[in-house]
Amino acid sequence: MEQISDIIDLLWLRPELSLAGLFGVLFVIWWVLGRNINRNEKAPSKATKDISPDISPADSPDMGSNPQVSLPGGIHDDWFDEIQARLSDFGAQQSPFAGKIGLLRETLKGGSAEKAIAALNEICVDNAKEGRDFQKRSEQFLLGAAIARIAAGDLEIANQNLDASAEQYALAIEATPPGQDALLAEALNKHGVVQYRTGHFDAAMISFRRAVKLLERVHGPMTPRLPVC
């Protein structure tokens, strides 16, 4: 007891020794805690030990969802439903691709991604070819409609039906397919002339400006083929 009393008296008289001792105790506590934390981080958890290294996450059972079999990577059955939904959203449900979704599904379930990719490439080629054929036919029909509308507008002018001719020219503008700048400029020019003669000056200026830009694109700037009233 006397030794403890002497130590207390010494610490009371020498406060710097008290601080040194306190820091020493804190350092020991910090060092012990640090070793325990490192030991816990390096030790594998029981759940990790229980998992066999021969089983990959893709092979492990998917609890709470439908098991996916023979489909590569992240592809799943819902993927095909998403494709069909996109075709419907974009109005392409009549595409030949839509009728081949089932075949593609069976090909992937058979475990052959290469065959599925080859089938998709073939579908792309077929769809693109049919689409270009349909587009060409569509443009031909629209071109015929536009020319017929312009002719009808000319006849309406001959009969002094200016409002009816303006409507015919407006429909010709709408029907003219892309790439037919000269024909579109003609329809715009005639539409502008009729609108000007009937007092619709703002509408006439809009048509004239569009016609000028198209004619400059076709014939170059300062062309003499500019719309006139």
Protein backbone atom coordinates (compact mmCIF):
# COMPACT_ATOMS: atom_id res chain seq x y z
CA MET A 1 0.00 0.00 0.00
CA GLU A 2 2.87 2.30 0.81
CA GLN A 3 4.29 1.74 -2.69
CA ILE A 4 0.96 2.68 -4.29
CA SER A 5 0.76 5.76 -2.05
CA ASP A 6 4.28 6.75 -3.07
CA ILE A 7 3.37 6.35 -6.77
CA ILE A 8 0.25 8.51 -6.35
CA ASP A 9 2.28 11.19 -4.54
CA LEU A 10 4.87 11.09 -7.32
CA LEU A 11 2.24 11.49 -10.03
CA TRP A 12 0.62 14.31 -8.10
CA LEU A 13 3.92 16.10 -7.81
CA ARG A 14 5.00 15.30 -11.43
CA PRO A 15 1.86 15.79 -13.64
CA GLU A 16 3.93 15.25 -16.82
CA LEU A 17 4.38 11.63 -15.74
CA SER A 18 0.59 11.28 -15.42
CA LEU A 19 0.07 12.47 -19.00
CA ALA A 20 2.78 10.16 -20.30
CA GLY A 21 1.14 7.23 -18.58
CA LEU A 22 -2.28 8.13 -19.93
CA PHE A 23 -0.96 8.33 -23.50
CA GLY A 24 0.77 5.00 -23.03
CA VAL A 25 -2.48 3.33 -21.96
CA LEU A 26 -4.38 4.84 -24.91
CA PHE A 27 -1.69 3.63 -27.35
CA VAL A 28 -1.94 0.07 -26.05
CA ILE A 29 -5.75 0.13 -26.40
CA TRP A 30 -5.51 1.49 -29.98
CA TRP A 31 -2.93 -1.14 -30.97
CA VAL A 32 -5.02 -4.03 -29.60
CA LEU A 33 -8.20 -2.84 -31.32
CA GLY A 34 -6.37 -2.39 -34.63
CA ARG A 35 -5.05 -5.97 -34.57
CA ASN A 36 -8.53 -7.34 -33.87
CA ILE A 37 -10.06 -5.39 -36.78
CA ASN A 38 -7.40 -6.60 -39.25
CA ARG A 39 -7.84 -10.17 -38.06
CA ASN A 40 -11.62 -9.97 -38.65
CA GLU A 41 -11.20 -8.51 -42.17
CA LYS A 42 -8.78 -11.22 -43.25
CA ALA A 43 -10.79 -14.10 -41.82
CA PRO A 44 -13.33 -15.52 -44.36
CA SER A 45 -16.92 -15.46 -43.27
CA LYS A 46 -18.79 -18.68 -42.62
CA ALA A 47 -21.12 -17.96 -45.56
CA THR A 48 -18.10 -17.66 -47.86
CA LYS A 49 -16.64 -20.94 -46.62
CA ASP A 50 -19.92 -22.71 -47.26
CA ILE A 51 -19.95 -21.76 -50.97
CA SER A 52 -18.19 -24.28 -53.15
CA PRO A 53 -15.47 -22.72 -55.36
CA ASP A 54 -16.65 -24.93 -58.23
CA ILE A 55 -20.05 -23.17 -58.38
CA SER A 56 -20.19 -19.85 -60.20
CA PRO A 57 -22.88 -17.22 -59.44
CA ALA A 58 -24.56 -18.04 -62.75
CA ASP A 59 -24.84 -21.72 -61.69
CA SER A 60 -26.17 -20.99 -58.22
CA PRO A 61 -29.94 -21.20 -57.75
CA ASP A 62 -31.82 -17.94 -58.22
CA MET A 63 -34.13 -17.78 -55.21
CA GLY A 64 -37.37 -15.92 -55.73
CA SER A 65 -37.24 -15.79 -59.55
CA ASN A 66 -37.79 -18.16 -62.43
CA PRO A 67 -34.75 -20.33 -63.17
CA GLN A 68 -33.14 -19.51 -66.48
CA VAL A 69 -31.68 -22.42 -68.41
CA SER A 70 -29.43 -22.54 -71.50
CA LEU A 71 -29.56 -18.79 -72.20
CA PRO A 72 -26.23 -16.96 -72.55
CA GLY A 73 -25.07 -14.25 -70.17
CA GLY A 74 -27.73 -11.85 -68.99
CA ILE A 75 -30.28 -12.88 -71.64
CA HIS A 76 -33.53 -14.15 -70.14
CA ASP A 77 -37.03 -15.08 -71.25
CA ASP A 78 -38.35 -11.57 -70.55
CA TRP A 79 -35.84 -10.24 -73.08
CA PHE A 80 -37.97 -11.62 -75.93
CA ASP A 81 -41.09 -10.02 -74.48
CA GLU A 82 -39.23 -6.69 -74.35
CA ILE A 83 -38.32 -7.01 -78.04
CA GLN A 84 -41.95 -7.70 -78.98
CA ALA A 85 -43.07 -4.74 -76.86
CA ARG A 86 -40.59 -2.45 -78.67
CA LEU A 87 -41.80 -3.65 -82.06
CA SER A 88 -45.35 -2.84 -80.98
CA ASP A 89 -44.40 0.57 -79.55
CA PHE A 90 -42.73 1.59 -82.80
CA GLY A 91 -45.54 0.21 -84.97
CA ALA A 92 -43.30 -2.52 -86.42
CA GLN A 93 -45.30 -5.52 -85.26
CA GLN A 94 -45.94 -6.43 -88.92
CA SER A 95 -42.21 -6.71 -89.55
CA PRO A 96 -40.98 -10.19 -90.58
CA PHE A 97 -38.77 -10.02 -87.49
CA ALA A 98 -41.85 -10.16 -85.26
CA GLY A 99 -42.80 -13.53 -86.71
CA LYS A 100 -39.34 -14.97 -86.03
CA ILE A 101 -39.07 -14.11 -82.34
CA GLY A 102 -40.19 -17.61 -81.36
CA LEU A 103 -37.57 -19.24 -83.58
CA LEU A 104 -34.88 -17.02 -82.10
CA ARG A 105 -36.02 -17.95 -78.59
CA GLU A 106 -35.72 -21.67 -79.33
CA THR A 107 -32.30 -21.17 -80.92
CA LEU A 108 -30.97 -19.44 -77.81
CA LYS A 109 -32.52 -22.00 -75.49
CA GLY A 110 -30.62 -24.61 -77.47
CA GLY A 111 -27.46 -22.92 -76.24
CA SER A 112 -26.23 -21.56 -79.56
CA ALA A 113 -25.64 -17.82 -79.40
CA GLU A 114 -23.70 -17.98 -82.69
CA LYS A 115 -26.72 -19.37 -84.56
CA ALA A 116 -28.94 -16.73 -82.97
CA ILE A 117 -26.59 -13.94 -84.10
CA ALA A 118 -26.49 -15.40 -87.62
CA ALA A 119 -30.30 -15.53 -87.65
CA LEU A 120 -30.49 -11.90 -86.52
CA ASN A 121 -28.09 -10.82 -89.26
CA GLU A 122 -30.24 -12.61 -91.83
CA ILE A 123 -33.35 -10.93 -90.44
CA CYS A 124 -31.60 -7.54 -90.68
CA VAL A 125 -30.74 -8.08 -94.35
CA ASP A 126 -34.26 -9.31 -95.22
CA ASN A 127 -36.00 -6.52 -93.33
CA ALA A 128 -33.79 -3.82 -94.83
CA LYS A 129 -34.34 -5.12 -98.38
CA GLU A 130 -38.12 -5.32 -97.96
CA GLY A 131 -38.16 -1.92 -96.29
CA ARG A 132 -36.28 -0.30 -99.16
CA ASP A 133 -38.58 -1.96 -101.70
CA PHE A 134 -41.67 -0.71 -99.84
CA GLN A 135 -40.15 2.75 -99.47
CA LYS A 136 -39.46 2.97 -103.19
CA ARG A 137 -43.00 1.91 -104.06
CA SER A 138 -44.42 4.30 -101.46
CA GLU A 139 -42.44 7.21 -102.89
CA GLN A 140 -43.65 6.37 -106.40
CA PHE A 141 -47.27 6.41 -105.25
CA LEU A 142 -46.77 9.65 -103.33
CA LEU A 143 -45.06 11.20 -106.35
CA GLY A 144 -48.03 10.32 -108.54
CA ALA A 145 -50.42 11.76 -105.96
CA ALA A 146 -48.46 15.02 -105.75
CA ILE A 147 -48.41 15.49 -109.53
CA ALA A 148 -52.14 14.73 -109.70
CA ARG A 149 -52.84 17.31 -106.95
CA ILE A 150 -50.87 19.99 -108.82
CA ALA A 151 -52.81 19.24 -112.00
CA ALA A 152 -56.09 19.42 -110.06
CA GLY A 153 -55.02 22.78 -108.62
CA ASP A 154 -54.29 24.10 -112.11
CA LEU A 155 -57.78 23.06 -113.26
CA GLU A 156 -59.36 24.74 -110.23
CA ILE A 157 -57.58 27.99 -111.16
CA ALA A 158 -58.88 27.65 -114.71
CA ASN A 159 -62.38 27.43 -113.24
CA GLN A 160 -61.70 30.49 -111.04
CA ASN A 161 -61.89 28.37 -107.86
CA LEU A 162 -58.92 29.89 -106.08
CA ASP A 163 -59.69 28.55 -102.59
CA ALA A 164 -60.09 25.02 -103.97
CA SER A 165 -56.85 25.33 -105.93
CA ALA A 166 -55.00 26.47 -102.79
CA GLU A 167 -56.23 23.35 -101.01
CA GLN A 168 -55.08 21.12 -103.89
CA TYR A 169 -51.62 22.68 -103.89
CA ALA A 170 -51.38 22.31 -100.10
CA LEU A 171 -52.18 18.58 -100.44
CA ALA A 172 -49.56 18.32 -103.19
CA ILE A 173 -46.98 19.83 -100.82
CA GLU A 174 -47.91 17.28 -98.18
CA ALA A 175 -47.76 14.32 -100.59
CA THR A 176 -44.43 15.16 -102.25
CA PRO A 177 -41.86 12.57 -101.09
CA PRO A 178 -38.38 13.54 -99.86
CA GLY A 179 -35.79 14.28 -102.52
CA GLN A 180 -38.24 15.82 -105.01
CA ASP A 181 -37.15 19.41 -104.42
CA ALA A 182 -38.07 20.73 -107.87
CA LEU A 183 -41.62 19.34 -107.69
CA LEU A 184 -42.06 20.58 -104.14
CA ALA A 185 -40.86 24.05 -105.15
CA GLU A 186 -43.43 24.08 -107.97
CA ALA A 187 -46.27 23.20 -105.59
CA LEU A 188 -45.09 25.82 -103.08
CA ASN A 189 -44.78 28.49 -105.75
CA LYS A 190 -48.30 27.87 -107.08
CA HIS A 191 -49.68 27.71 -103.56
CA GLY A 192 -48.03 31.07 -102.80
CA VAL A 193 -49.44 32.67 -105.95
CA VAL A 194 -53.01 31.62 -105.09
CA GLN A 195 -52.63 32.74 -101.48
CA TYR A 196 -51.31 36.11 -102.63
CA ARG A 197 -54.21 36.61 -105.06
CA THR A 198 -56.75 35.78 -102.36
CA GLY A 199 -55.20 38.25 -99.91
CA HIS A 200 -53.46 35.75 -97.63
CA PHE A 201 -50.12 37.54 -97.83
CA ASP A 202 -48.46 35.95 -94.77
CA ALA A 203 -49.22 32.44 -96.00
CA ALA A 204 -48.02 33.40 -99.47
CA MET A 205 -44.67 34.67 -98.13
CA ILE A 206 -44.11 31.44 -96.21
CA SER A 207 -44.65 29.35 -99.36
CA PHE A 208 -42.50 31.66 -101.50
CA ARG A 209 -39.60 31.56 -99.03
CA ARG A 210 -39.66 27.77 -98.92
CA ALA A 211 -39.81 27.61 -102.72
CA VAL A 212 -36.83 29.98 -103.08
CA LYS A 213 -34.66 27.86 -100.76
CA LEU A 214 -35.52 24.70 -102.69
CA LEU A 215 -34.87 26.30 -106.09
CA GLU A 216 -31.53 27.65 -104.90
CA ARG A 217 -30.64 24.17 -103.71
CA VAL A 218 -31.54 22.67 -107.11
CA HIS A 219 -30.36 25.38 -109.50
CA GLY A 220 -27.98 27.42 -107.36
CA PRO A 221 -28.33 30.98 -106.00
CA MET A 222 -29.55 33.82 -108.19
CA THR A 223 -31.47 31.40 -110.41
CA PRO A 224 -34.02 33.03 -112.76
CA ARG A 225 -36.50 30.28 -111.83
CA LEU A 226 -37.67 32.09 -108.71
CA PRO A 227 -41.37 32.25 -107.81
CA VAL A 228 -43.22 35.27 -109.07
CA CYS A 229 -46.64 36.57 -108.26
